[in-house]
Amino acid sequence: MKKLVLFLLAGMLASNLRAQDNPTPKSPTAKKDRQAAKRERINNLLKQEEEGEIIFSKQSAFGIKLNTDGYGLSYEIGRFKSARVANIFQIEINEKKHKKEKRTSLLNGFNFNSVIYGKLNNFYQVKLNAGQQRIIGGKGNKNGVAVMAVYTGGLAVGLQKPYFVDVIDNAQQRYRKTYPTIIDSGYIEQGASGFTVGWDKVQPKFGLSAKGALRFDYGRFNETVSAIEVGLNAEYYFGKVAQMTYNPEKSFFFNAYISLLLGRRKN
């Protein structure tokens, strides 16, 4: 058995040596064609970069949003289908404000506090959206501005958190109460209880969201995302959302927004 193994190894070694001594001839023309094709591909990419075309396959961006009814943060990842179209996936975290909210400062001894009279609940939302980014106007050159259409849709999860206020009664006893009980019982407001209070009484609200926007990418280099986005948001929740005392609850929200986006592109 040992002799058979040695014989097979010797045969394989001899075959390999003969193959190295007599290599398959390569066509000089085929090699030159491959080199020329590679040079042409690189030159095309460089030309597209110089002309402001996006030549990357992935992007990610962090955003700060100012809505007509609140504010929020966003994070986005994108995968380019072509130089002009990308599939995008976004997550947003927002706080929605009621148009009648008005913060009032209170002086309690030497302490300054504030309260929003009549506020029932804070309303936070998390949105998971998918859609597309489509270039409708290229930069033309590195110093230009690319104009993109963005449209997404997806799921919205709202968190309705009671707005608690620190109050005192006529006997100077301290409590934490909510509106309209504060008004009906004649409590005296001392200030809002704070962000951390009320999370044990959160009510989830589930719904759908959609948005359409124009994105203006002014970044000098295509590997960076530096853009301003303006657009419209719409959300519908399957349960009513209560924000202010003596105001109707609602399920549909519609707003305009502006967002600053910063990020990177890569292959």
Protein backbone atom coordinates (compact mmCIF):
# COMPACT_ATOMS: atom_id res chain seq x y z
CA MET A 1 0.00 0.00 0.00
CA LYS A 2 2.84 2.33 0.88
CA LYS A 3 4.51 1.66 -2.48
CA LEU A 4 1.22 2.38 -4.28
CA VAL A 5 0.82 5.73 -2.53
CA LEU A 6 4.42 6.71 -3.34
CA PHE A 7 3.89 5.69 -6.96
CA LEU A 8 0.74 7.85 -7.25
CA LEU A 9 2.47 10.84 -5.65
CA ALA A 10 5.42 10.48 -8.02
CA GLY A 11 3.03 10.31 -10.99
CA MET A 12 1.16 13.46 -9.90
CA LEU A 13 4.45 15.33 -9.37
CA ALA A 14 5.73 14.35 -12.80
CA SER A 15 2.48 15.40 -14.44
CA ASN A 16 2.61 18.78 -12.69
CA LEU A 17 6.21 19.35 -13.79
CA ARG A 18 5.35 18.57 -17.41
CA ALA A 19 2.45 21.02 -17.23
CA GLN A 20 4.76 23.76 -15.94
CA ASP A 21 7.34 23.01 -18.61
CA ASN A 22 4.67 23.23 -21.32
CA PRO A 23 2.25 25.99 -20.24
CA THR A 24 -0.81 26.73 -22.32
CA PRO A 25 0.09 29.66 -24.53
CA LYS A 26 -1.86 32.83 -23.83
CA SER A 27 -3.09 34.99 -26.66
CA PRO A 28 -1.35 38.39 -26.61
CA THR A 29 -4.44 39.87 -28.25
CA ALA A 30 -6.79 38.58 -25.52
CA LYS A 31 -4.55 39.98 -22.77
CA LYS A 32 -4.43 43.40 -24.44
CA ASP A 33 -8.22 43.37 -24.86
CA ARG A 34 -8.71 42.71 -21.15
CA GLN A 35 -6.30 45.49 -20.19
CA ALA A 36 -8.01 47.91 -22.57
CA ALA A 37 -11.45 47.04 -21.18
CA LYS A 38 -10.22 47.59 -17.62
CA ARG A 39 -8.72 50.98 -18.53
CA GLU A 40 -11.95 52.02 -20.23
CA ARG A 41 -14.03 51.02 -17.22
CA ILE A 42 -11.79 53.02 -14.84
CA ASN A 43 -11.82 56.04 -17.16
CA ASN A 44 -15.63 55.95 -17.33
CA LEU A 45 -15.88 55.89 -13.53
CA LEU A 46 -13.47 58.82 -13.23
CA LYS A 47 -15.44 60.75 -15.84
CA GLN A 48 -18.71 60.12 -14.02
CA GLU A 49 -17.18 61.28 -10.74
CA GLU A 50 -15.86 64.44 -12.41
CA GLU A 51 -19.30 65.13 -13.91
CA GLY A 52 -21.01 64.69 -10.56
CA GLU A 53 -22.55 61.28 -11.19
CA ILE A 54 -22.99 58.95 -8.20
CA ILE A 55 -20.89 55.84 -8.81
CA PHE A 56 -21.23 54.13 -5.43
CA SER A 57 -23.34 51.13 -4.46
CA LYS A 58 -24.31 51.99 -0.84
CA GLN A 59 -25.06 55.03 1.29
CA SER A 60 -25.99 55.83 4.87
CA ALA A 61 -27.14 59.11 6.37
CA PHE A 62 -28.13 60.59 9.72
CA GLY A 63 -30.80 63.29 9.74
CA ILE A 64 -32.12 66.04 12.03
CA LYS A 65 -35.74 66.99 11.26
CA LEU A 66 -37.85 70.02 12.03
CA ASN A 67 -41.55 69.35 11.42
CA THR A 68 -44.42 71.82 11.46
CA ASP A 69 -45.78 69.79 14.38
CA GLY A 70 -42.61 68.71 16.16
CA TYR A 71 -39.07 67.49 15.58
CA GLY A 72 -37.12 64.27 15.23
CA LEU A 73 -34.11 62.23 14.18
CA SER A 74 -33.67 59.78 11.32
CA TYR A 75 -31.23 57.19 10.06
CA GLU A 76 -31.18 55.85 6.50
CA ILE A 77 -29.38 53.17 4.53
CA GLY A 78 -29.56 52.88 0.76
CA ARG A 79 -28.62 50.41 -1.96
CA PHE A 80 -28.19 51.74 -5.49
CA LYS A 81 -30.00 49.85 -8.25
CA SER A 82 -28.34 52.12 -10.81
CA ALA A 83 -26.43 55.39 -10.86
CA ARG A 84 -29.73 57.29 -10.51
CA VAL A 85 -32.02 55.07 -8.43
CA ALA A 86 -31.54 53.70 -4.91
CA ASN A 87 -33.72 51.62 -2.62
CA ILE A 88 -33.75 53.24 0.83
CA PHE A 89 -34.72 52.05 4.31
CA GLN A 90 -35.33 54.55 7.11
CA ILE A 91 -36.03 54.67 10.81
CA GLU A 92 -37.38 57.87 12.37
CA ILE A 93 -37.98 58.92 15.96
CA ASN A 94 -40.18 61.99 16.40
CA GLU A 95 -42.12 63.92 19.01
CA LYS A 96 -45.37 65.44 17.79
CA LYS A 97 -46.65 68.71 19.21
CA HIS A 98 -50.20 70.09 19.19
CA LYS A 99 -50.66 73.47 17.52
CA LYS A 100 -52.25 74.88 20.72
CA GLU A 101 -49.39 73.93 23.03
CA LYS A 102 -47.92 76.91 24.86
CA ARG A 103 -45.20 76.56 27.46
CA THR A 104 -45.53 78.90 30.45
CA SER A 105 -42.77 79.69 32.94
CA LEU A 106 -43.54 79.45 36.65
CA LEU A 107 -41.64 81.07 39.52
CA ASN A 108 -41.75 78.98 42.69
CA GLY A 109 -39.61 80.64 45.30
CA PHE A 110 -36.14 80.77 43.77
CA ASN A 111 -36.88 78.05 41.19
CA PHE A 112 -38.03 78.51 37.63
CA ASN A 113 -40.17 75.72 36.21
CA SER A 114 -42.47 75.46 33.23
CA VAL A 115 -45.72 73.79 32.28
CA ILE A 116 -47.91 73.40 29.20
CA TYR A 117 -51.43 74.22 30.35
CA GLY A 118 -54.01 71.67 29.28
CA LYS A 119 -51.59 69.16 27.79
CA LEU A 120 -52.91 65.60 28.13
CA ASN A 121 -50.17 63.45 26.64
CA ASN A 122 -46.76 63.51 25.05
CA PHE A 123 -46.91 61.70 21.73
CA TYR A 124 -43.75 60.06 20.40
CA GLN A 125 -43.53 58.01 17.25
CA VAL A 126 -41.18 55.50 15.67
CA LYS A 127 -41.50 55.03 11.91
CA LEU A 128 -40.02 52.23 9.80
CA ASN A 129 -40.18 53.16 6.12
CA ALA A 130 -38.95 51.79 2.81
CA GLY A 131 -38.93 53.47 -0.58
CA GLN A 132 -36.76 54.96 -3.29
CA GLN A 133 -34.45 57.87 -3.97
CA ARG A 134 -34.45 58.93 -7.62
CA ILE A 135 -32.10 61.53 -9.12
CA ILE A 136 -34.09 63.97 -11.27
CA GLY A 137 -31.31 66.51 -11.73
CA GLY A 138 -27.60 65.68 -11.62
CA LYS A 139 -24.87 67.92 -10.25
CA GLY A 140 -23.31 68.54 -13.64
CA ASN A 141 -19.96 68.88 -11.85
CA LYS A 142 -18.49 68.42 -8.38
CA ASN A 143 -19.60 71.92 -7.33
CA GLY A 144 -23.21 71.47 -8.44
CA VAL A 145 -26.34 70.42 -6.56
CA ALA A 146 -28.09 67.11 -7.23
CA VAL A 147 -31.89 67.15 -6.96
CA MET A 148 -33.54 63.89 -5.91
CA ALA A 149 -37.12 62.75 -5.44
CA VAL A 150 -37.68 60.65 -2.32
CA TYR A 151 -40.82 58.66 -1.59
CA THR A 152 -41.30 56.14 1.22
CA GLY A 153 -44.01 54.36 3.16
CA GLY A 154 -44.23 51.97 6.05
CA LEU A 155 -45.28 51.36 9.63
CA ALA A 156 -45.72 53.89 12.44
CA VAL A 157 -45.78 53.07 16.14
CA GLY A 158 -46.95 55.87 18.41
CA LEU A 159 -46.34 56.08 22.17
CA GLN A 160 -48.93 58.13 24.06
CA LYS A 161 -47.39 59.05 27.44
CA PRO A 162 -49.45 60.94 30.05
CA TYR A 163 -48.24 64.46 30.80
CA PHE A 164 -47.85 64.69 34.58
CA VAL A 165 -47.62 67.96 36.49
CA ASP A 166 -46.39 68.57 40.03
CA VAL A 167 -49.17 70.40 41.89
CA ILE A 168 -50.20 71.51 45.38
CA ASP A 169 -53.64 71.86 46.92
CA ASN A 170 -54.95 74.50 49.32
CA ALA A 171 -53.30 72.66 52.22
CA GLN A 172 -49.92 72.83 50.45
CA GLN A 173 -49.88 69.06 49.93
CA ARG A 174 -47.91 67.99 46.86
CA TYR A 175 -49.22 65.61 44.19
CA ARG A 176 -48.61 64.54 40.62
CA LYS A 177 -51.72 64.97 38.54
CA THR A 178 -52.85 65.24 34.92
CA TYR A 179 -55.24 67.51 33.07
CA PRO A 180 -58.23 67.99 33.19
CA THR A 181 -58.21 66.80 36.85
CA ILE A 182 -55.87 69.69 37.71
CA ILE A 183 -58.34 72.23 36.35
CA ASP A 184 -61.46 70.58 37.73
CA SER A 185 -60.01 70.17 41.25
CA GLY A 186 -58.39 73.60 41.51
CA TYR A 187 -54.80 72.39 41.99
CA ILE A 188 -51.96 74.89 41.66
CA GLU A 189 -49.29 73.93 39.12
CA GLN A 190 -45.68 73.89 40.27
CA GLY A 191 -44.12 72.60 37.05
CA ALA A 192 -44.04 69.63 34.70
CA SER A 193 -42.98 66.37 36.36
CA GLY A 194 -40.39 65.63 33.66
CA PHE A 195 -39.57 63.28 30.81
CA THR A 196 -39.02 60.20 32.99
CA VAL A 197 -42.47 60.29 34.62
CA GLY A 198 -45.39 58.42 33.08
CA TRP A 199 -43.70 55.69 31.09
CA ASP A 200 -45.46 53.00 33.12
CA LYS A 201 -48.77 54.28 31.70
CA VAL A 202 -47.81 54.48 28.02
CA GLN A 203 -50.44 53.48 25.47
CA PRO A 204 -49.17 52.24 22.07
CA LYS A 205 -50.83 53.42 18.87
CA PHE A 206 -50.23 51.52 15.64
CA GLY A 207 -50.57 52.96 12.16
CA LEU A 208 -49.20 53.61 8.68
CA SER A 209 -47.03 56.41 7.32
CA ALA A 210 -46.01 57.86 3.96
CA LYS A 211 -43.91 60.77 2.77
CA GLY A 212 -42.77 62.50 -0.39
CA ALA A 213 -39.85 64.91 -0.57
CA LEU A 214 -37.20 66.65 -2.62
CA ARG A 215 -33.60 66.22 -1.55
CA PHE A 216 -30.89 68.74 -2.50
CA ASP A 217 -27.41 67.22 -2.21
CA TYR A 218 -24.86 70.04 -2.22
CA GLY A 219 -21.82 67.98 -1.14
CA ARG A 220 -18.67 68.71 -3.11
CA PHE A 221 -17.61 65.07 -3.24
CA ASN A 222 -19.96 62.21 -4.08
CA GLU A 223 -18.58 59.94 -1.36
CA THR A 224 -20.19 62.24 1.26
CA VAL A 225 -23.89 62.90 1.73
CA SER A 226 -24.57 66.56 2.56
CA ALA A 227 -28.18 67.33 1.78
CA ILE A 228 -31.23 69.34 2.71
CA GLU A 229 -34.58 67.58 2.33
CA VAL A 230 -38.00 69.25 2.26
CA GLY A 231 -41.22 67.31 2.05
CA LEU A 232 -44.62 66.26 3.36
CA ASN A 233 -45.49 63.56 5.93
CA ALA A 234 -48.77 61.75 6.49
CA GLU A 235 -49.59 59.26 9.26
CA TYR A 236 -52.79 57.40 10.09
CA TYR A 237 -53.27 55.59 13.41
CA PHE A 238 -55.89 52.94 14.04
CA GLY A 239 -56.64 54.45 17.46
CA LYS A 240 -57.40 58.04 18.47
CA VAL A 241 -54.58 60.18 19.87
CA ALA A 242 -55.35 62.70 22.65
CA GLN A 243 -52.92 65.60 23.02
CA MET A 244 -54.74 68.59 24.55
CA THR A 245 -57.65 69.02 26.96
CA TYR A 246 -60.95 70.14 25.40
CA ASN A 247 -59.64 69.49 21.89
CA PRO A 248 -60.81 66.64 19.65
CA GLU A 249 -58.73 63.48 19.47
CA LYS A 250 -57.49 62.52 16.03
CA SER A 251 -56.07 59.63 14.04
CA PHE A 252 -54.68 61.42 10.96
CA PHE A 253 -51.61 63.66 11.06
CA PHE A 254 -50.26 65.71 8.16
CA ASN A 255 -47.22 67.99 8.25
CA ALA A 256 -44.39 69.56 6.31
CA TYR A 257 -40.76 69.23 7.29
CA ILE A 258 -37.18 70.19 6.55
CA SER A 259 -34.25 67.91 7.35
CA LEU A 260 -30.47 68.16 7.34
CA LEU A 261 -28.81 64.90 6.21
CA LEU A 262 -25.15 63.97 6.69
CA GLY A 263 -23.56 60.66 5.73
CA ARG A 264 -21.31 58.68 3.41
CA ARG A 265 -21.41 56.58 0.25
CA LYS A 266 -19.21 53.60 -0.52
CA ASN A 267 -18.91 50.52 -2.68
